Amino acid sequence: MPFDIGFIELCILLVVALIVLGPDKFPVAARQLSKWFGGIRRNVNSLTSEFNRELEMDELRRQVDAQKQQLKAAVFLGENENENENESVNTHEKAPTDAALTTSAKTDLATSSAFKNEQ
């Protein structure tokens, strides 16, 4: 019970209320009292459930914010990796071109020396 009232104390309160209010007004007062307690209980339950929903929404917002930050970090890292890949591709493209120039230069030298030998 909410006020730590035992069964014996509750019985004493009911007997005192019956004596004070009398047998005519006691049932009416008991119904009215139960309506008040029922309304209070509904309001407390409503506030509790609303509070719990707000806590859940707050937790969900935190999770969404954390996911957004992780996604932004992943996109940022992905962009950096793409830039690094582009730089490495550019470096690799230059290297074969240099090698191709060296090969073509060797071919040109061989062709020119063969041409000189024929003359």
N, C-alpha and C. Protein backbone atom coordinates (compact mmCIF):
# COMPACT_ATOMS: atom_id res chain seq x y z
N MET A 1 0.84 -1.18 0.00
CA MET A 1 0.00 0.00 0.00
C MET A 1 0.88 1.24 0.00
N PRO A 2 0.38 2.34 -0.55
CA PRO A 2 1.22 3.52 -0.70
C PRO A 2 1.63 4.17 0.61
N PHE A 3 0.79 4.09 1.67
CA PHE A 3 1.13 4.78 2.92
C PHE A 3 1.56 3.83 4.01
N ASP A 4 1.84 2.60 3.66
CA ASP A 4 2.22 1.58 4.64
C ASP A 4 1.15 1.40 5.72
N ILE A 5 -0.08 1.35 5.30
CA ILE A 5 -1.18 1.12 6.24
C ILE A 5 -1.48 -0.37 6.22
N GLY A 6 -1.44 -0.98 7.35
CA GLY A 6 -1.72 -2.40 7.46
C GLY A 6 -3.22 -2.66 7.46
N PHE A 7 -3.57 -3.94 7.45
CA PHE A 7 -4.97 -4.32 7.40
C PHE A 7 -5.72 -3.86 8.65
N ILE A 8 -5.09 -4.00 9.80
CA ILE A 8 -5.76 -3.62 11.06
C ILE A 8 -6.00 -2.11 11.09
N GLU A 9 -5.00 -1.32 10.67
CA GLU A 9 -5.19 0.14 10.66
C GLU A 9 -6.29 0.54 9.69
N LEU A 10 -6.37 -0.14 8.56
CA LEU A 10 -7.41 0.14 7.57
C LEU A 10 -8.79 -0.16 8.15
N CYS A 11 -8.91 -1.28 8.85
CA CYS A 11 -10.19 -1.62 9.48
C CYS A 11 -10.59 -0.59 10.53
N ILE A 12 -9.63 -0.12 11.30
CA ILE A 12 -9.91 0.91 12.31
C ILE A 12 -10.39 2.19 11.64
N LEU A 13 -9.74 2.58 10.55
CA LEU A 13 -10.16 3.79 9.82
C LEU A 13 -11.57 3.64 9.27
N LEU A 14 -11.90 2.48 8.75
CA LEU A 14 -13.25 2.25 8.21
C LEU A 14 -14.30 2.30 9.31
N VAL A 15 -14.00 1.74 10.46
CA VAL A 15 -14.95 1.77 11.59
C VAL A 15 -15.14 3.21 12.06
N VAL A 16 -14.06 3.96 12.18
CA VAL A 16 -14.16 5.36 12.61
C VAL A 16 -14.96 6.17 11.58
N ALA A 17 -14.70 5.95 10.28
CA ALA A 17 -15.45 6.65 9.24
C ALA A 17 -16.93 6.29 9.29
N LEU A 18 -17.23 5.03 9.55
CA LEU A 18 -18.63 4.60 9.65
C LEU A 18 -19.32 5.27 10.84
N ILE A 19 -18.61 5.38 11.95
CA ILE A 19 -19.18 6.02 13.14
C ILE A 19 -19.37 7.51 12.89
N VAL A 20 -18.39 8.18 12.27
CA VAL A 20 -18.46 9.63 12.07
C VAL A 20 -19.50 9.97 11.01
N LEU A 21 -19.50 9.27 9.88
CA LEU A 21 -20.40 9.61 8.79
C LEU A 21 -21.79 8.99 8.94
N GLY A 22 -21.85 7.93 9.60
CA GLY A 22 -23.13 7.24 9.76
C GLY A 22 -23.37 6.28 8.61
N PRO A 23 -24.32 5.37 8.80
CA PRO A 23 -24.57 4.36 7.78
C PRO A 23 -25.18 4.93 6.49
N ASP A 24 -25.77 6.12 6.54
CA ASP A 24 -26.39 6.69 5.34
C ASP A 24 -25.35 7.33 4.42
N LYS A 25 -24.43 8.09 4.99
CA LYS A 25 -23.46 8.83 4.18
C LYS A 25 -22.18 8.04 3.91
N PHE A 26 -21.92 6.98 4.67
CA PHE A 26 -20.69 6.22 4.50
C PHE A 26 -20.56 5.61 3.10
N PRO A 27 -21.58 4.92 2.55
CA PRO A 27 -21.43 4.35 1.20
C PRO A 27 -21.19 5.42 0.13
N VAL A 28 -21.86 6.58 0.26
CA VAL A 28 -21.67 7.66 -0.70
C VAL A 28 -20.24 8.20 -0.60
N ALA A 29 -19.76 8.38 0.62
CA ALA A 29 -18.40 8.89 0.83
C ALA A 29 -17.37 7.87 0.33
N ALA A 30 -17.64 6.59 0.53
CA ALA A 30 -16.70 5.55 0.08
C ALA A 30 -16.61 5.55 -1.45
N ARG A 31 -17.79 5.67 -2.13
CA ARG A 31 -17.76 5.73 -3.60
C ARG A 31 -17.01 6.97 -4.08
N GLN A 32 -17.28 8.10 -3.47
CA GLN A 32 -16.60 9.33 -3.86
C GLN A 32 -15.09 9.22 -3.62
N LEU A 33 -14.71 8.67 -2.50
CA LEU A 33 -13.29 8.49 -2.18
C LEU A 33 -12.62 7.55 -3.18
N SER A 34 -13.32 6.46 -3.55
CA SER A 34 -12.74 5.53 -4.52
C SER A 34 -12.62 6.19 -5.89
N LYS A 35 -13.57 7.06 -6.26
CA LYS A 35 -13.45 7.80 -7.54
C LYS A 35 -12.23 8.72 -7.52
N TRP A 36 -12.03 9.40 -6.39
CA TRP A 36 -10.88 10.29 -6.30
C TRP A 36 -9.57 9.51 -6.40
N PHE A 37 -9.50 8.40 -5.65
CA PHE A 37 -8.28 7.60 -5.70
C PHE A 37 -8.07 7.01 -7.09
N GLY A 38 -9.16 6.60 -7.74
CA GLY A 38 -9.06 6.08 -9.11
C GLY A 38 -8.55 7.14 -10.07
N GLY A 39 -9.07 8.37 -9.94
CA GLY A 39 -8.60 9.47 -10.80
C GLY A 39 -7.15 9.80 -10.54
N ILE A 40 -6.77 9.82 -9.26
CA ILE A 40 -5.38 10.10 -8.92
C ILE A 40 -4.48 9.01 -9.49
N ARG A 41 -4.91 7.76 -9.35
CA ARG A 41 -4.11 6.64 -9.86
C ARG A 41 -3.96 6.72 -11.38
N ARG A 42 -5.05 7.04 -12.09
CA ARG A 42 -4.98 7.18 -13.55
C ARG A 42 -4.02 8.31 -13.95
N ASN A 43 -4.11 9.43 -13.25
CA ASN A 43 -3.22 10.56 -13.55
C ASN A 43 -1.75 10.20 -13.29
N VAL A 44 -1.52 9.52 -12.19
CA VAL A 44 -0.14 9.12 -11.88
C VAL A 44 0.37 8.14 -12.93
N ASN A 45 -0.47 7.17 -13.30
CA ASN A 45 -0.07 6.21 -14.34
C ASN A 45 0.16 6.91 -15.68
N SER A 46 -0.67 7.88 -16.01
CA SER A 46 -0.50 8.62 -17.25
C SER A 46 0.81 9.41 -17.23
N LEU A 47 1.08 10.08 -16.13
CA LEU A 47 2.33 10.84 -16.02
C LEU A 47 3.54 9.92 -16.06
N THR A 48 3.43 8.78 -15.40
CA THR A 48 4.54 7.83 -15.40
C THR A 48 4.81 7.30 -16.81
N SER A 49 3.75 6.93 -17.52
CA SER A 49 3.95 6.42 -18.89
C SER A 49 4.47 7.51 -19.81
N GLU A 50 4.00 8.74 -19.64
CA GLU A 50 4.51 9.85 -20.46
C GLU A 50 5.98 10.11 -20.15
N PHE A 51 6.33 10.06 -18.90
CA PHE A 51 7.73 10.24 -18.49
C PHE A 51 8.60 9.15 -19.09
N ASN A 52 8.13 7.91 -19.03
CA ASN A 52 8.88 6.79 -19.62
C ASN A 52 9.03 6.95 -21.12
N ARG A 53 7.97 7.40 -21.80
CA ARG A 53 8.07 7.64 -23.25
C ARG A 53 9.09 8.72 -23.56
N GLU A 54 9.10 9.76 -22.75
CA GLU A 54 10.08 10.83 -22.96
C GLU A 54 11.50 10.32 -22.76
N LEU A 55 11.69 9.48 -21.75
CA LEU A 55 13.02 8.90 -21.53
C LEU A 55 13.43 8.03 -22.71
N GLU A 56 12.50 7.23 -23.23
CA GLU A 56 12.79 6.39 -24.39
C GLU A 56 13.12 7.25 -25.61
N MET A 57 12.34 8.32 -25.82
CA MET A 57 12.60 9.21 -26.95
C MET A 57 13.96 9.88 -26.81
N ASP A 58 14.30 10.27 -25.59
CA ASP A 58 15.61 10.89 -25.37
C ASP A 58 16.73 9.90 -25.67
N GLU A 59 16.56 8.66 -25.25
CA GLU A 59 17.55 7.63 -25.53
C GLU A 59 17.66 7.38 -27.04
N LEU A 60 16.52 7.35 -27.72
CA LEU A 60 16.53 7.16 -29.18
C LEU A 60 17.23 8.33 -29.87
N ARG A 61 16.98 9.55 -29.38
CA ARG A 61 17.65 10.71 -29.96
C ARG A 61 19.16 10.60 -29.79
N ARG A 62 19.59 10.15 -28.61
CA ARG A 62 21.03 9.98 -28.38
C ARG A 62 21.60 8.93 -29.33
N GLN A 63 20.87 7.84 -29.52
CA GLN A 63 21.34 6.80 -30.43
C GLN A 63 21.41 7.31 -31.86
N VAL A 64 20.40 8.08 -32.27
CA VAL A 64 20.40 8.64 -33.62
C VAL A 64 21.56 9.60 -33.80
N ASP A 65 21.81 10.44 -32.79
CA ASP A 65 22.95 11.37 -32.87
C ASP A 65 24.27 10.61 -32.95
N ALA A 66 24.39 9.55 -32.17
CA ALA A 66 25.62 8.75 -32.21
C ALA A 66 25.78 8.10 -33.58
N GLN A 67 24.68 7.61 -34.15
CA GLN A 67 24.74 7.00 -35.49
C GLN A 67 25.11 8.05 -36.54
N LYS A 68 24.56 9.26 -36.39
CA LYS A 68 24.90 10.34 -37.33
C LYS A 68 26.40 10.64 -37.27
N GLN A 69 26.93 10.73 -36.05
CA GLN A 69 28.35 11.01 -35.91
C GLN A 69 29.20 9.90 -36.50
N GLN A 70 28.79 8.65 -36.29
CA GLN A 70 29.54 7.53 -36.86
C GLN A 70 29.46 7.57 -38.38
N LEU A 71 28.29 7.91 -38.90
CA LEU A 71 28.12 7.97 -40.35
C LEU A 71 28.96 9.10 -40.94
N LYS A 72 28.96 10.25 -40.27
CA LYS A 72 29.78 11.36 -40.75
C LYS A 72 31.25 10.99 -40.72
N ALA A 73 31.67 10.31 -39.66
CA ALA A 73 33.07 9.90 -39.56
C ALA A 73 33.40 8.90 -40.66
N ALA A 74 32.47 7.98 -40.94
CA ALA A 74 32.71 6.99 -41.98
C ALA A 74 32.78 7.66 -43.35
N VAL A 75 31.90 8.61 -43.59
CA VAL A 75 31.92 9.33 -44.87
C VAL A 75 33.21 10.12 -44.99
N PHE A 76 33.63 10.77 -43.91
CA PHE A 76 34.86 11.55 -43.93
C PHE A 76 36.05 10.64 -44.21
N LEU A 77 36.09 9.48 -43.53
CA LEU A 77 37.19 8.54 -43.77
C LEU A 77 37.13 8.00 -45.19
N GLY A 78 35.92 7.76 -45.68
CA GLY A 78 35.77 7.28 -47.05
C GLY A 78 36.26 8.30 -48.06
N GLU A 79 35.97 9.57 -47.82
CA GLU A 79 36.45 10.62 -48.72
C GLU A 79 37.98 10.70 -48.67
N ASN A 80 38.54 10.58 -47.48
CA ASN A 80 40.01 10.61 -47.36
C ASN A 80 40.62 9.41 -48.06
N GLU A 81 40.00 8.25 -47.92
CA GLU A 81 40.53 7.06 -48.60
C GLU A 81 40.45 7.23 -50.10
N ASN A 82 39.34 7.83 -50.59
CA ASN A 82 39.20 8.07 -52.03
C ASN A 82 40.28 9.03 -52.51
N GLU A 83 40.55 10.07 -51.72
CA GLU A 83 41.60 11.01 -52.11
C GLU A 83 42.95 10.31 -52.13
N ASN A 84 43.20 9.47 -51.13
CA ASN A 84 44.47 8.73 -51.08
C ASN A 84 44.56 7.77 -52.26
N GLU A 85 43.45 7.12 -52.60
CA GLU A 85 43.45 6.21 -53.74
C GLU A 85 43.70 6.97 -55.03
N ASN A 86 43.06 8.15 -55.15
CA ASN A 86 43.26 8.96 -56.34
C ASN A 86 44.72 9.39 -56.46
N GLU A 87 45.32 9.76 -55.32
CA GLU A 87 46.73 10.15 -55.35
C GLU A 87 47.61 8.97 -55.72
N SER A 88 47.29 7.80 -55.18
CA SER A 88 48.11 6.62 -55.50
C SER A 88 47.89 6.20 -56.95
N VAL A 89 46.66 6.37 -57.45
CA VAL A 89 46.41 6.05 -58.86
C VAL A 89 47.19 7.01 -59.74
N ASN A 90 47.19 8.28 -59.39
CA ASN A 90 47.95 9.26 -60.16
C ASN A 90 49.44 8.94 -60.13
N THR A 91 49.92 8.52 -58.97
CA THR A 91 51.33 8.16 -58.85
C THR A 91 51.63 6.93 -59.69
N HIS A 92 50.72 5.94 -59.63
CA HIS A 92 50.93 4.73 -60.41
C HIS A 92 50.80 4.99 -61.91
N GLU A 93 49.95 5.94 -62.27
CA GLU A 93 49.82 6.27 -63.69
C GLU A 93 51.10 6.91 -64.21
N LYS A 94 51.72 7.73 -63.37
CA LYS A 94 52.95 8.38 -63.79
C LYS A 94 54.09 7.38 -63.91
N ALA A 95 54.14 6.44 -63.00
CA ALA A 95 55.24 5.48 -63.01
C ALA A 95 55.25 4.65 -64.30
N PRO A 96 54.13 4.08 -64.74
CA PRO A 96 54.18 3.34 -66.00
C PRO A 96 54.50 4.25 -67.18
N THR A 97 54.06 5.49 -67.12
CA THR A 97 54.36 6.40 -68.21
C THR A 97 55.85 6.64 -68.29
N ASP A 98 56.49 6.83 -67.12
CA ASP A 98 57.94 6.99 -67.10
C ASP A 98 58.63 5.74 -67.63
N ALA A 99 58.12 4.60 -67.20
CA ALA A 99 58.71 3.34 -67.67
C ALA A 99 58.49 3.20 -69.16
N ALA A 100 57.31 3.60 -69.64
CA ALA A 100 57.03 3.50 -71.07
C ALA A 100 57.96 4.44 -71.84
N LEU A 101 58.19 5.63 -71.28
CA LEU A 101 59.11 6.55 -71.94
C LEU A 101 60.51 5.97 -71.99
N THR A 102 60.92 5.33 -70.93
CA THR A 102 62.24 4.71 -70.90
C THR A 102 62.31 3.60 -71.94
N THR A 103 61.27 2.81 -72.04
CA THR A 103 61.24 1.74 -73.03
C THR A 103 61.24 2.31 -74.44
N SER A 104 60.42 3.35 -74.63
CA SER A 104 60.38 3.95 -75.97
C SER A 104 61.70 4.65 -76.29
N ALA A 105 62.32 5.23 -75.26
CA ALA A 105 63.62 5.87 -75.49
C ALA A 105 64.66 4.82 -75.87
N LYS A 106 64.60 3.66 -75.21
CA LYS A 106 65.53 2.58 -75.57
C LYS A 106 65.27 2.12 -76.99
N THR A 107 64.01 2.00 -77.34
CA THR A 107 63.65 1.58 -78.70
C THR A 107 64.14 2.61 -79.71
N ASP A 108 63.95 3.88 -79.37
CA ASP A 108 64.42 4.94 -80.26
C ASP A 108 65.94 4.90 -80.41
N LEU A 109 66.63 4.68 -79.31
CA LEU A 109 68.08 4.59 -79.37
C LEU A 109 68.53 3.40 -80.22
N ALA A 110 67.85 2.30 -80.01
CA ALA A 110 68.20 1.12 -80.79
C ALA A 110 67.91 1.34 -82.26
N THR A 111 66.79 1.97 -82.55
CA THR A 111 66.42 2.23 -83.95
C THR A 111 67.40 3.21 -84.57
N SER A 112 67.74 4.26 -83.82
CA SER A 112 68.63 5.26 -84.38
C SER A 112 70.04 4.69 -84.56
N SER A 113 70.49 3.84 -83.63
CA SER A 113 71.82 3.24 -83.81
C SER A 113 71.81 2.23 -84.95
N ALA A 114 70.70 1.53 -85.12
CA ALA A 114 70.61 0.61 -86.26
C ALA A 114 70.56 1.40 -87.56
N PHE A 115 69.91 2.52 -87.57
CA PHE A 115 69.83 3.37 -88.75
C PHE A 115 71.20 3.92 -89.10
N LYS A 116 71.96 4.31 -88.07
CA LYS A 116 73.32 4.83 -88.30
C LYS A 116 74.22 3.72 -88.86
N ASN A 117 74.07 2.51 -88.33
CA ASN A 117 74.89 1.40 -88.80
C ASN A 117 74.61 1.07 -90.27
N GLU A 118 73.35 1.23 -90.68
CA GLU A 118 73.01 0.93 -92.06
C GLU A 118 73.59 1.97 -93.00
N GLN A 119 73.74 3.16 -92.55
CA GLN A 119 74.25 4.20 -93.44
C GLN A 119 75.69 4.09 -93.53
